Amino acid sequence: MRSLFLFILLLIQGVVYAQCSICTKTAQQLGEGPAEGMNTGILYLAFAPFAIVGYIGYRWWKSNQQG
């Protein structure tokens, strides 16, 4: 199961554009370098809630398996 999850993560690790329309317009005005930094920042901020929910889900799943 873990190897399947890792494989899926490796498949989707390509270039990701995580911007709303306002952020896209701002990034276009900034240029290529700062726009990539903005993309990275947005993805970094979006990762935290997903990591927290994933951790809680994993703990819940493990506690239900042992019962």
C-alpha atoms as a PDB file:
ATOM      1  CA  MET A   1       0.000   0.000   0.000  1.00  0.00           C
ATOM      2  CA  ARG A   2       2.803   2.405   0.865  1.00  0.00           C
ATOM      3  CA  SER A   3       4.630   1.697  -2.373  1.00  0.00           C
ATOM      4  CA  LEU A   4       1.475   2.426  -4.365  1.00  0.00           C
ATOM      5  CA  PHE A   5       1.066   5.749  -2.553  1.00  0.00           C
ATOM      6  CA  LEU A   6       4.722   6.625  -3.173  1.00  0.00           C
ATOM      7  CA  PHE A   7       4.386   5.714  -6.852  1.00  0.00           C
ATOM      8  CA  ILE A   8       1.338   7.957  -7.235  1.00  0.00           C
ATOM      9  CA  LEU A   9       3.177  10.830  -5.557  1.00  0.00           C
ATOM     10  CA  LEU A  10       6.098  10.411  -7.922  1.00  0.00           C
ATOM     11  CA  LEU A  11       3.758  10.503 -10.909  1.00  0.00           C
ATOM     12  CA  ILE A  12       2.135  13.784  -9.917  1.00  0.00           C
ATOM     13  CA  GLN A  13       5.273  15.623  -8.809  1.00  0.00           C
ATOM     14  CA  GLY A  14       5.550  17.528 -12.091  1.00  0.00           C
ATOM     15  CA  VAL A  15       4.953  21.222 -12.462  1.00  0.00           C
ATOM     16  CA  VAL A  16       1.926  22.261 -10.453  1.00  0.00           C
ATOM     17  CA  TYR A  17       0.152  25.584 -10.860  1.00  0.00           C
ATOM     18  CA  ALA A  18      -1.797  26.326  -7.698  1.00  0.00           C
ATOM     19  CA  GLN A  19      -2.999  29.847  -8.209  1.00  0.00           C
ATOM     20  CA  CYS A  20      -6.311  31.612  -8.162  1.00  0.00           C
ATOM     21  CA  SER A  21      -7.064  34.102 -10.936  1.00  0.00           C
ATOM     22  CA  ILE A  22      -5.822  37.081  -8.907  1.00  0.00           C
ATOM     23  CA  CYS A  23      -2.578  35.316  -8.022  1.00  0.00           C
ATOM     24  CA  THR A  24      -2.093  34.308 -11.660  1.00  0.00           C
ATOM     25  CA  LYS A  25      -2.425  37.895 -12.841  1.00  0.00           C
ATOM     26  CA  THR A  26       0.013  39.089 -10.154  1.00  0.00           C
ATOM     27  CA  ALA A  27       2.506  36.344 -11.033  1.00  0.00           C
ATOM     28  CA  GLN A  28       2.358  37.270 -14.720  1.00  0.00           C
ATOM     29  CA  GLN A  29       3.331  40.830 -13.832  1.00  0.00           C
ATOM     30  CA  LEU A  30       6.205  39.710 -11.593  1.00  0.00           C
ATOM     31  CA  GLY A  31       8.116  37.708 -14.168  1.00  0.00           C
ATOM     32  CA  GLU A  32       9.298  34.104 -14.344  1.00  0.00           C
ATOM     33  CA  GLY A  33      11.526  33.839 -11.239  1.00  0.00           C
ATOM     34  CA  PRO A  34       9.257  35.496  -8.672  1.00  0.00           C
ATOM     35  CA  ALA A  35       6.237  33.691 -10.154  1.00  0.00           C
ATOM     36  CA  GLU A  36       7.875  30.324  -9.476  1.00  0.00           C
ATOM     37  CA  GLY A  37       8.599  31.444  -5.927  1.00  0.00           C
ATOM     38  CA  MET A  38       4.972  32.469  -5.529  1.00  0.00           C
ATOM     39  CA  ASN A  39       3.834  29.049  -6.777  1.00  0.00           C
ATOM     40  CA  THR A  40       6.136  27.336  -4.310  1.00  0.00           C
ATOM     41  CA  GLY A  41       4.822  29.468  -1.456  1.00  0.00           C
ATOM     42  CA  ILE A  42       1.211  28.716  -2.312  1.00  0.00           C
ATOM     43  CA  LEU A  43       1.920  24.986  -2.459  1.00  0.00           C
ATOM     44  CA  TYR A  44       3.826  25.152   0.831  1.00  0.00           C
ATOM     45  CA  LEU A  45       0.905  26.859   2.558  1.00  0.00           C
ATOM     46  CA  ALA A  46      -1.585  24.395   1.061  1.00  0.00           C
ATOM     47  CA  PHE A  47       0.454  21.387   2.200  1.00  0.00           C
ATOM     48  CA  ALA A  48       0.060  22.032   5.938  1.00  0.00           C
ATOM     49  CA  PRO A  49      -3.731  21.473   6.174  1.00  0.00           C
ATOM     50  CA  PHE A  50      -3.495  18.355   4.011  1.00  0.00           C
ATOM     51  CA  ALA A  51      -0.691  16.984   6.179  1.00  0.00           C
ATOM     52  CA  ILE A  52      -2.665  17.610   9.369  1.00  0.00           C
ATOM     53  CA  VAL A  53      -5.817  15.974   8.019  1.00  0.00           C
ATOM     54  CA  GLY A  54      -3.762  13.066   6.685  1.00  0.00           C
ATOM     55  CA  TYR A  55      -2.087  12.552  10.057  1.00  0.00           C
ATOM     56  CA  ILE A  56      -5.413  12.624  11.921  1.00  0.00           C
ATOM     57  CA  GLY A  57      -6.913  10.218   9.394  1.00  0.00           C
ATOM     58  CA  TYR A  58      -3.973   7.853   9.705  1.00  0.00           C
ATOM     59  CA  ARG A  59      -4.161   7.856  13.510  1.00  0.00           C
ATOM     60  CA  TRP A  60      -7.913   7.240  13.372  1.00  0.00           C
ATOM     61  CA  TRP A  61      -7.444   4.389  10.902  1.00  0.00           C
ATOM     62  CA  LYS A  62      -4.710   2.793  13.055  1.00  0.00           C
ATOM     63  CA  SER A  63      -6.788   3.060  16.235  1.00  0.00           C
ATOM     64  CA  ASN A  64      -9.771   1.400  14.521  1.00  0.00           C
ATOM     65  CA  GLN A  65      -7.611  -1.461  13.241  1.00  0.00           C
ATOM     66  CA  GLN A  66      -6.298  -2.377  16.679  1.00  0.00           C
ATOM     67  CA  GLY A  67      -9.724  -2.425  18.331  1.00  0.00           C
END
